[in-house]
Amino acid sequence: PNFQNISTQSWYPPSVGGSSSHPSTPSSSGASPHQRASDHPQPSSRGQPSPAEAAGIIARLRDKSVDELQRLLKDKESYNAFFNSLDQVKTQNNLRDELRKETLQLARRKFRKGAADFRAQESVYYNQNHRTSCR
């Protein structure tokens, strides 16, 4: 196939669809102290896939026809469907959902504890004032 005749018009922002002489780097220079270890293998730094992961993605793209590749570039829904079908993305989405669920559980526990603490303080206050007014 003649890849030079493929239209480069796409929905991608210039930083993704265009070429750049400088790779993008994350804005923070260190890991958060709140990050936790996981059973999932971690991709290489800067959010880039490992060589083995990249090879798997490339293999999936090589299996696509030119029309399918053009559709991925031009159609955001097709791209999103492909992107979300990648194992790395599924793993990250599962991790995000797990963290979201754990955060919600923690927030509920803290809320219940806070409510119980408030009731205890209210009870102490009531008992102190009730004793003083009954004397």
Protein backbone atom coordinates (compact mmCIF):
# COMPACT_ATOMS: atom_id res chain seq x y z
CA PRO A 1 0.00 0.00 0.00
CA ASN A 2 1.01 3.57 -0.63
CA PHE A 3 1.02 5.14 2.83
CA GLN A 4 2.12 8.55 1.52
CA ASN A 5 -1.34 9.16 0.02
CA ILE A 6 -3.16 8.59 3.34
CA SER A 7 -4.83 11.72 4.64
CA THR A 8 -3.31 13.01 7.87
CA GLN A 9 -6.48 14.85 8.90
CA SER A 10 -7.60 13.46 12.22
CA TRP A 11 -9.37 14.39 15.43
CA TYR A 12 -6.12 14.11 17.39
CA PRO A 13 -4.72 17.28 18.98
CA PRO A 14 -1.47 18.48 17.37
CA SER A 15 0.58 17.17 20.29
CA VAL A 16 -0.68 13.64 19.57
CA GLY A 17 -1.27 13.58 15.83
CA GLY A 18 1.62 15.77 14.77
CA SER A 19 5.27 15.01 14.96
CA SER A 20 7.39 16.51 17.65
CA SER A 21 11.12 16.58 18.06
CA HIS A 22 10.74 16.47 21.85
CA PRO A 23 8.93 13.66 23.64
CA SER A 24 6.41 14.78 26.20
CA THR A 25 7.38 14.38 29.82
CA PRO A 26 5.22 14.40 32.91
CA SER A 27 5.12 17.62 34.90
CA SER A 28 6.08 16.04 38.19
CA SER A 29 9.56 14.74 38.72
CA GLY A 30 8.92 12.21 41.46
CA ALA A 31 6.50 9.59 42.60
CA SER A 32 3.84 10.53 45.06
CA PRO A 33 4.44 9.26 48.57
CA HIS A 34 0.85 7.97 48.49
CA GLN A 35 1.41 5.60 45.59
CA ARG A 36 1.12 1.99 46.59
CA ALA A 37 2.67 -1.18 45.29
CA SER A 38 0.45 -3.39 43.19
CA ASP A 39 0.41 -6.97 41.98
CA HIS A 40 0.17 -5.65 38.42
CA PRO A 41 3.42 -5.24 36.47
CA GLN A 42 4.27 -1.59 36.21
CA PRO A 43 5.02 -0.06 32.81
CA SER A 44 8.26 1.80 32.35
CA SER A 45 8.59 5.34 33.63
CA ARG A 46 6.83 8.32 32.05
CA GLY A 47 3.74 6.24 31.28
CA GLN A 48 5.29 4.64 28.24
CA PRO A 49 4.72 0.92 27.63
CA SER A 50 7.56 -1.53 28.00
CA PRO A 51 9.11 -2.88 24.78
CA ALA A 52 7.07 -6.08 25.14
CA GLU A 53 3.84 -4.13 25.67
CA ALA A 54 4.62 -1.85 22.72
CA ALA A 55 5.29 -4.90 20.54
CA GLY A 56 1.87 -6.28 21.44
CA ILE A 57 0.17 -3.01 20.54
CA ILE A 58 2.12 -2.79 17.27
CA ALA A 59 1.14 -6.36 16.42
CA ARG A 60 -2.53 -5.47 16.94
CA LEU A 61 -2.15 -2.43 14.70
CA ARG A 62 -0.34 -4.44 12.00
CA ASP A 63 -3.32 -6.79 11.81
CA LYS A 64 -5.55 -3.88 10.78
CA SER A 65 -6.22 -2.89 7.19
CA VAL A 66 -5.37 0.58 5.91
CA ASP A 67 -9.08 1.46 6.06
CA GLU A 68 -9.25 0.35 9.71
CA LEU A 69 -6.14 2.37 10.56
CA GLN A 70 -7.58 5.45 8.84
CA ARG A 71 -10.81 4.96 10.81
CA LEU A 72 -8.79 4.87 14.05
CA LEU A 73 -7.17 8.17 13.12
CA LYS A 74 -10.34 9.92 11.99
CA ASP A 75 -13.08 8.46 14.19
CA LYS A 76 -12.81 9.15 17.91
CA GLU A 77 -15.28 6.36 18.82
CA SER A 78 -13.31 3.77 16.83
CA TYR A 79 -10.08 4.94 18.44
CA ASN A 80 -11.63 4.81 21.92
CA ALA A 81 -12.96 1.29 21.31
CA PHE A 82 -9.50 0.13 20.19
CA PHE A 83 -7.74 1.97 23.02
CA ASN A 84 -10.06 0.54 25.68
CA SER A 85 -9.55 -2.98 24.30
CA LEU A 86 -5.80 -2.87 25.07
CA ASP A 87 -4.76 -5.03 28.05
CA GLN A 88 -2.73 -2.19 29.56
CA VAL A 89 -5.75 0.12 29.47
CA LYS A 90 -8.02 -2.56 30.93
CA THR A 91 -5.51 -3.07 33.75
CA GLN A 92 -5.31 0.67 34.46
CA ASN A 93 -9.10 1.01 34.35
CA ASN A 94 -9.50 -1.91 36.76
CA LEU A 95 -6.92 -0.37 39.09
CA ARG A 96 -8.67 3.01 38.88
CA ASP A 97 -12.03 1.40 39.68
CA GLU A 98 -10.52 -0.51 42.60
CA LEU A 99 -8.90 2.64 44.01
CA ARG A 100 -12.15 4.57 43.53
CA LYS A 101 -14.08 1.87 45.41
CA GLU A 102 -11.51 1.76 48.25
CA THR A 103 -11.52 5.57 48.50
CA LEU A 104 -15.31 5.59 48.75
CA GLN A 105 -15.21 2.90 51.47
CA LEU A 106 -12.58 4.89 53.38
CA ALA A 107 -14.62 8.07 53.08
CA ARG A 108 -17.71 6.27 54.39
CA ARG A 109 -15.76 4.84 57.36
CA LYS A 110 -14.33 8.27 58.18
CA PHE A 111 -17.77 9.84 57.87
CA ARG A 112 -19.32 7.24 60.20
CA LYS A 113 -16.45 7.67 62.67
CA GLY A 114 -16.84 11.45 62.50
CA ALA A 115 -20.58 11.16 63.08
CA ALA A 116 -19.98 8.82 66.04
CA ASP A 117 -17.39 11.22 67.46
CA PHE A 118 -19.81 14.11 67.08
CA ARG A 119 -22.57 12.16 68.87
CA ALA A 120 -20.15 11.29 71.68
CA GLN A 121 -19.11 14.94 72.07
CA GLU A 122 -22.73 16.02 71.95
CA SER A 123 -23.58 13.49 74.66
CA VAL A 124 -20.72 14.70 76.88
CA TYR A 125 -21.80 18.31 76.36
CA TYR A 126 -25.43 17.44 77.10
CA ASN A 127 -24.49 15.50 80.24
CA GLN A 128 -22.27 18.32 81.51
CA ASN A 129 -24.93 20.98 80.93
CA HIS A 130 -27.75 18.79 82.19
CA ARG A 131 -25.93 18.10 85.47
CA THR A 132 -25.23 21.80 85.99
CA SER A 133 -28.80 22.86 85.33
CA CYS A 134 -30.23 20.15 87.63
CA ARG A 135 -28.21 21.27 90.68
